[in-house]
Amino acid sequence: MGTARRLWLPPRPRSWLRLPASRAGRRRALWAAMAICSLALTPATWVYVSATPRVRDAGHVPSAPVAMVFGAGLWEGRPSPYLAHRLDTAAGLYRAGKVRVVLVTGDNSRDDYDEPDAMRAYLRDRGVPDARIVSDFAGFDTWDSCARARRVFGVKQAVLISQGFHIRRALALCGAAGIDAYGVGASSDPHDITWYAGGAREVLASGKAALDALVRPSPAFLGPHEPGVERALADEGP
């Protein structure tokens, strides 16, 4: 007689994954799931509610000494389209007299990747004098950029520039870092998959933002005070 082969069957789900058998148990499970979802969305709600009143368009944002532009990636050594939109907005604010200095903050953690220098070159090509551009080479994330702007560069008032899906988190964190800021959402037409992915990412990133705002950790690299912003503001040249 031949040996019968045992058919493969998928493993049975563990008992803790099963819905409760009773109606009351299912109701408790539903309430627990709703409570978990509410807690998960609390940081995103805090970011939205606290920052939305300070979001403006470029034509109506209050003047400030400094515009802060957050890095958004390079393509073959040049600003990505999203970053280019941010820099175009900063250049426009400078030409309109809304800001006097542009602080570009981004990642230069590797020799072959230099966001701030690429951002500086882009702004120069669009008429912003080199003497009015200050580079932060250790803006590794939004909290680091905000904390270093206040603690290293002495920024107290600023216009923040980023895309709409990120600007509220930037405002919330810079406010926690001690900067009186308003934000401008740079244009990003059309809203492509990167835009929607960025918006989804913000829901998760808001949890870290809430923790950073509460704990206020030192940036990954703090370093000594840098007078670049003060010198640029004191410069009466063009």
Protein backbone atom coordinates (compact mmCIF):
# COMPACT_ATOMS: atom_id res chain seq x y z
CA MET A 1 0.00 0.00 0.00
CA GLY A 2 1.26 3.44 -0.83
CA THR A 3 1.79 6.04 1.78
CA ALA A 4 -0.83 8.76 1.62
CA ARG A 5 0.61 12.24 1.41
CA ARG A 6 -0.53 14.74 3.98
CA LEU A 7 -2.12 17.75 2.37
CA TRP A 8 -0.57 21.12 3.36
CA LEU A 9 -2.96 23.32 5.21
CA PRO A 10 -2.32 26.90 6.28
CA PRO A 11 -1.68 27.33 9.99
CA ARG A 12 -4.73 28.12 12.04
CA PRO A 13 -4.83 31.65 13.36
CA ARG A 14 -3.81 32.09 16.93
CA SER A 15 -6.59 32.43 19.39
CA TRP A 16 -5.67 36.03 20.22
CA LEU A 17 -6.42 37.03 16.62
CA ARG A 18 -9.96 35.68 16.73
CA LEU A 19 -12.88 38.00 17.33
CA PRO A 20 -14.60 37.48 20.67
CA ALA A 21 -17.53 35.12 20.44
CA SER A 22 -19.96 37.25 22.45
CA ARG A 23 -21.57 40.47 21.35
CA ALA A 24 -20.27 42.28 24.42
CA GLY A 25 -16.76 41.05 23.72
CA ARG A 26 -16.91 42.27 20.13
CA ARG A 27 -18.16 45.63 21.36
CA ARG A 28 -15.22 45.93 23.76
CA ALA A 29 -12.80 44.98 20.98
CA LEU A 30 -14.29 47.68 18.74
CA TRP A 31 -13.96 50.32 21.45
CA ALA A 32 -10.37 49.26 22.09
CA ALA A 33 -9.54 49.54 18.38
CA MET A 34 -11.14 53.00 18.23
CA ALA A 35 -9.18 54.12 21.29
CA ILE A 36 -5.90 52.93 19.76
CA CYS A 37 -6.64 54.77 16.51
CA SER A 38 -7.50 57.94 18.41
CA LEU A 39 -4.27 57.81 20.37
CA ALA A 40 -2.30 57.20 17.19
CA LEU A 41 -3.85 60.27 15.54
CA THR A 42 -3.42 62.58 18.54
CA PRO A 43 0.07 63.83 17.51
CA ALA A 44 -1.12 64.55 13.96
CA THR A 45 -4.07 66.48 15.37
CA TRP A 46 -1.75 68.49 17.63
CA VAL A 47 0.48 69.39 14.68
CA TYR A 48 -2.46 70.46 12.54
CA VAL A 49 -4.31 72.46 15.18
CA SER A 50 -1.24 74.22 16.60
CA ALA A 51 0.34 75.17 13.28
CA THR A 52 -2.49 75.87 10.84
CA PRO A 53 -3.13 79.45 12.08
CA ARG A 54 0.45 80.33 11.09
CA VAL A 55 0.33 79.05 7.53
CA ARG A 56 0.18 81.85 4.94
CA ASP A 57 0.62 82.25 1.21
CA ALA A 58 3.71 84.05 -0.04
CA GLY A 59 1.84 87.30 -0.67
CA HIS A 60 0.45 87.60 2.85
CA VAL A 61 3.11 86.14 5.12
CA PRO A 62 4.47 88.65 7.67
CA SER A 63 7.99 89.91 7.07
CA ALA A 64 10.80 88.31 9.07
CA PRO A 65 14.57 88.66 9.17
CA VAL A 66 15.19 85.09 8.00
CA ALA A 67 13.65 82.58 5.62
CA MET A 68 14.40 78.95 6.45
CA VAL A 69 14.37 76.46 3.57
CA PHE A 70 14.37 72.78 4.51
CA GLY A 71 16.21 70.28 2.33
CA ALA A 72 14.17 67.90 0.17
CA GLY A 73 16.69 65.78 -1.70
CA LEU A 74 19.03 66.14 -4.68
CA TRP A 75 18.83 64.67 -8.17
CA GLU A 76 22.30 64.20 -9.63
CA GLY A 77 23.66 66.93 -7.39
CA ARG A 78 20.91 69.46 -8.12
CA PRO A 79 17.78 70.29 -6.07
CA SER A 80 14.89 67.91 -6.60
CA PRO A 81 11.73 69.45 -8.09
CA TYR A 82 10.18 69.78 -4.64
CA LEU A 83 13.28 71.47 -3.26
CA ALA A 84 13.45 73.74 -6.30
CA HIS A 85 9.88 74.92 -5.56
CA ARG A 86 10.93 75.75 -2.01
CA LEU A 87 13.96 77.69 -3.19
CA ASP A 88 11.94 79.56 -5.82
CA THR A 89 9.57 80.64 -3.05
CA ALA A 90 12.46 81.83 -0.89
CA ALA A 91 13.98 83.79 -3.77
CA GLY A 92 10.61 85.42 -4.39
CA LEU A 93 10.27 86.43 -0.75
CA TYR A 94 13.77 87.91 -0.81
CA ARG A 95 13.08 89.93 -3.96
CA ALA A 96 9.81 91.17 -2.44
CA GLY A 97 11.65 92.40 0.66
CA LYS A 98 9.81 90.00 2.95
CA VAL A 99 13.06 88.46 4.24
CA ARG A 100 16.66 89.69 4.35
CA VAL A 101 18.56 86.41 4.79
CA VAL A 102 17.92 82.85 3.61
CA LEU A 103 19.07 80.00 5.86
CA VAL A 104 19.33 76.79 3.85
CA THR A 105 19.32 73.74 6.10
CA GLY A 106 19.96 70.23 4.88
CA ASP A 107 22.06 67.08 4.90
CA ASN A 108 25.81 67.03 4.29
CA SER A 109 26.59 63.85 6.21
CA ARG A 110 28.54 62.39 3.26
CA ASP A 111 31.23 63.88 1.05
CA ASP A 112 29.21 63.02 -2.06
CA TYR A 113 25.94 64.53 -0.84
CA ASP A 114 25.69 68.26 -0.09
CA GLU A 115 22.20 69.73 0.04
CA PRO A 116 23.11 73.18 1.43
CA ASP A 117 25.72 73.97 -1.23
CA ALA A 118 23.34 72.87 -4.00
CA MET A 119 20.64 75.06 -2.47
CA ARG A 120 23.01 78.02 -2.23
CA ALA A 121 24.02 77.69 -5.90
CA TYR A 122 20.36 77.51 -6.97
CA LEU A 123 19.51 80.68 -5.03
CA ARG A 124 22.52 82.55 -6.43
CA ASP A 125 21.41 81.68 -9.95
CA ARG A 126 18.05 83.30 -9.14
CA GLY A 127 19.42 86.58 -7.88
CA VAL A 128 19.90 86.07 -4.15
CA PRO A 129 23.33 87.49 -3.20
CA ASP A 130 25.74 84.96 -1.79
CA ALA A 131 26.31 87.20 1.24
CA ARG A 132 22.62 86.84 2.14
CA ILE A 133 22.63 83.02 2.12
CA VAL A 134 23.67 81.06 5.22
CA SER A 135 24.21 77.29 5.17
CA ASP A 136 23.43 74.79 7.89
CA PHE A 137 25.16 71.55 6.95
CA ALA A 138 23.73 69.50 9.83
CA GLY A 139 19.98 69.83 9.29
CA PHE A 140 19.53 66.07 9.31
CA ASP A 141 15.82 66.22 10.12
CA THR A 142 13.19 68.84 10.87
CA TRP A 143 13.85 68.99 14.61
CA ASP A 144 17.61 69.30 14.10
CA SER A 145 17.07 72.12 11.59
CA CYS A 146 14.79 74.02 13.97
CA ALA A 147 16.89 73.44 17.09
CA ARG A 148 20.12 74.40 15.32
CA ALA A 149 18.53 77.50 13.79
CA ARG A 150 17.71 78.75 17.28
CA ARG A 151 20.65 77.44 19.31
CA VAL A 152 23.49 77.63 16.80
CA PHE A 153 22.48 80.43 14.41
CA GLY A 154 20.48 82.55 16.87
CA VAL A 155 17.30 82.73 14.76
CA LYS A 156 14.37 84.11 16.73
CA GLN A 157 11.95 85.02 13.94
CA ALA A 158 11.61 83.30 10.59
CA VAL A 159 9.46 82.41 7.63
CA LEU A 160 9.59 78.66 7.08
CA ILE A 161 9.33 77.29 3.56
CA SER A 162 8.38 73.74 2.70
CA GLN A 163 5.59 71.83 0.94
CA GLY A 164 2.09 71.97 2.35
CA PHE A 165 2.22 68.41 3.68
CA HIS A 166 5.32 69.26 5.78
CA ILE A 167 5.00 72.92 6.69
CA ARG A 168 2.76 72.40 9.74
CA ARG A 169 5.17 69.94 11.34
CA ALA A 170 8.03 72.37 10.67
CA LEU A 171 6.05 75.17 12.31
CA ALA A 172 5.18 73.05 15.35
CA LEU A 173 8.79 71.99 15.87
CA CYS A 174 10.34 75.41 15.28
CA GLY A 175 7.81 76.85 17.72
CA ALA A 176 8.89 74.26 20.29
CA ALA A 177 12.52 75.20 19.59
CA GLY A 178 11.79 78.84 20.46
CA ILE A 179 11.37 80.42 17.02
CA ASP A 180 8.48 82.80 16.29
CA ALA A 181 7.64 81.55 12.82
CA TYR A 182 5.12 81.67 10.03
CA GLY A 183 5.09 79.16 7.21
CA VAL A 184 4.63 79.23 3.45
CA GLY A 185 3.66 76.08 1.58
CA ALA A 186 5.62 76.02 -1.67
CA SER A 187 3.70 75.03 -4.78
CA SER A 188 3.99 71.41 -5.89
CA ASP A 189 1.78 71.07 -8.95
CA PRO A 190 0.79 68.54 -9.97
CA HIS A 191 0.16 66.60 -6.77
CA ASP A 192 1.93 63.39 -7.74
CA ILE A 193 2.54 60.16 -5.87
CA THR A 194 5.40 61.81 -3.95
CA TRP A 195 3.00 64.39 -2.59
CA TYR A 196 0.52 61.80 -1.35
CA ALA A 197 3.30 59.63 0.06
CA GLY A 198 4.64 62.67 1.90
CA GLY A 199 1.24 63.37 3.37
CA ALA A 200 0.89 59.78 4.57
CA ARG A 201 4.39 59.90 6.05
CA GLU A 202 3.47 63.01 8.03
CA VAL A 203 0.90 61.05 10.03
CA LEU A 204 3.69 58.78 11.26
CA ALA A 205 6.28 61.55 11.57
CA SER A 206 3.98 63.60 13.79
CA GLY A 207 4.49 61.05 16.57
CA LYS A 208 8.24 61.71 16.59
CA ALA A 209 7.53 65.44 16.30
CA ALA A 210 5.37 65.37 19.44
CA LEU A 211 8.11 63.51 21.31
CA ASP A 212 10.79 65.95 20.10
CA ALA A 213 8.64 68.91 21.15
CA LEU A 214 8.12 67.38 24.60
CA VAL A 215 11.68 66.17 25.28
CA ARG A 216 13.54 68.77 23.17
CA PRO A 217 16.65 66.66 22.61
CA SER A 218 19.94 68.12 21.44
CA PRO A 219 20.45 67.87 17.67
CA ALA A 220 22.57 65.03 16.32
CA PHE A 221 25.32 67.61 15.89
CA LEU A 222 25.08 70.82 17.88
CA GLY A 223 28.47 72.49 17.62
CA PRO A 224 29.43 76.05 18.61
CA HIS A 225 27.54 79.24 17.87
CA GLU A 226 27.83 80.31 14.24
CA PRO A 227 27.52 84.06 13.49
CA GLY A 228 26.59 83.67 9.81
CA VAL A 229 23.00 84.90 10.20
CA GLU A 230 24.01 87.84 12.39
CA ARG A 231 26.68 88.92 9.92
CA ALA A 232 24.34 88.61 6.96
CA LEU A 233 21.69 90.71 8.72
CA ALA A 234 24.27 93.34 9.60
CA ASP A 235 25.44 93.55 5.99
CA GLU A 236 23.85 96.64 4.41
CA GLY A 237 24.94 95.66 0.92
CA PRO A 238 22.58 94.48 -1.82
